[in-house]
Amino acid sequence: MVTLMSRTPRPARPCRPHLERQAIRFTVGLYLFICAALLLVHYTAPEPPPVPGDAGSSSTSPFTPVRTP
C-alpha cells in the first residue's frame, strides 16, 4: 500500500500570540492617536472673540480683569 502523506510527526509549533508586542503597539498607537487628536483640536478650534474695551491687552483670557481708565 502506498501512502501519500508522511507519517513522521512534526514538532508542534505553539500558536501563542505575541502579547507583549501587541501591548506595546497598542500603547504607542493610542499615544499617537491622542497626540493627533489634540493637535487637530488645537488647530481647528475657533478663536474666541476679542473682549471689547480691552484693546491694549494681548491676553484673550476671559479671566483677565478689565481695566477701566
Protein backbone atom coordinates (compact mmCIF):
# COMPACT_ATOMS: atom_id res chain seq x y z
CA MET A 1 0.00 0.00 0.00
CA VAL A 2 1.31 3.42 -0.95
CA THR A 3 0.86 6.30 1.46
CA LEU A 4 0.79 9.80 0.06
CA MET A 5 1.33 11.62 3.31
CA SER A 6 4.34 11.28 5.51
CA ARG A 7 3.59 9.80 8.90
CA THR A 8 6.61 11.33 10.63
CA PRO A 9 5.48 13.52 13.50
CA ARG A 10 6.25 17.19 13.08
CA PRO A 11 7.18 19.28 16.07
CA ALA A 12 4.09 21.26 17.03
CA ARG A 13 4.63 24.99 16.98
CA PRO A 14 2.59 26.68 19.66
CA CYS A 15 0.26 29.33 18.23
CA ARG A 16 0.69 31.80 21.00
CA PRO A 17 0.03 35.48 20.35
CA HIS A 18 2.81 37.93 20.98
CA LEU A 19 1.02 39.72 23.80
CA GLU A 20 3.94 41.91 24.79
CA ARG A 21 4.43 43.13 21.23
CA GLN A 22 0.68 43.70 20.86
CA ALA A 23 0.57 45.67 24.11
CA ILE A 24 3.47 47.88 23.03
CA ARG A 25 1.90 48.52 19.61
CA PHE A 26 -1.45 49.33 21.22
CA THR A 27 0.14 51.75 23.69
CA VAL A 28 2.19 53.54 21.03
CA GLY A 29 -0.81 53.67 18.69
CA LEU A 30 -3.04 55.08 21.43
CA TYR A 31 -0.40 57.69 22.30
CA LEU A 32 -0.08 58.77 18.66
CA PHE A 33 -3.86 58.89 18.26
CA ILE A 34 -4.21 61.12 21.35
CA CYS A 35 -1.42 63.42 20.13
CA ALA A 36 -3.01 63.72 16.69
CA ALA A 37 -6.44 64.40 18.20
CA LEU A 38 -5.05 67.11 20.49
CA LEU A 39 -3.22 68.78 17.61
CA LEU A 40 -6.34 68.63 15.47
CA VAL A 41 -8.47 70.20 18.20
CA HIS A 42 -5.83 72.84 18.88
CA TYR A 43 -5.55 73.99 15.28
CA THR A 44 -9.21 73.66 14.27
CA ALA A 45 -10.82 75.23 17.37
CA PRO A 46 -12.40 78.62 16.71
CA GLU A 47 -10.62 81.62 18.13
CA PRO A 48 -12.55 83.35 20.90
CA PRO A 49 -13.90 86.81 20.06
CA PRO A 50 -11.92 89.80 21.32
CA VAL A 51 -13.03 91.35 24.57
CA PRO A 52 -14.50 94.83 23.95
CA GLY A 53 -12.76 97.68 25.76
CA ASP A 54 -9.51 95.79 26.27
CA ALA A 55 -7.70 96.57 23.01
CA GLY A 56 -4.32 97.08 24.69
CA SER A 57 -4.05 93.60 26.18
CA SER A 58 -2.55 90.68 24.33
CA SER A 59 -4.36 88.21 26.54
CA THR A 60 -7.61 86.69 25.29
CA SER A 61 -8.39 85.01 28.58
CA PRO A 62 -11.91 85.62 29.88
CA PHE A 63 -10.43 85.74 33.39
CA THR A 64 -8.25 88.79 32.70
CA PRO A 65 -9.77 91.69 34.65
CA VAL A 66 -10.92 94.59 32.50
CA ARG A 67 -9.12 97.79 33.44
CA THR A 68 -11.16 100.97 33.37
CA PRO A 69 -9.27 104.22 32.67
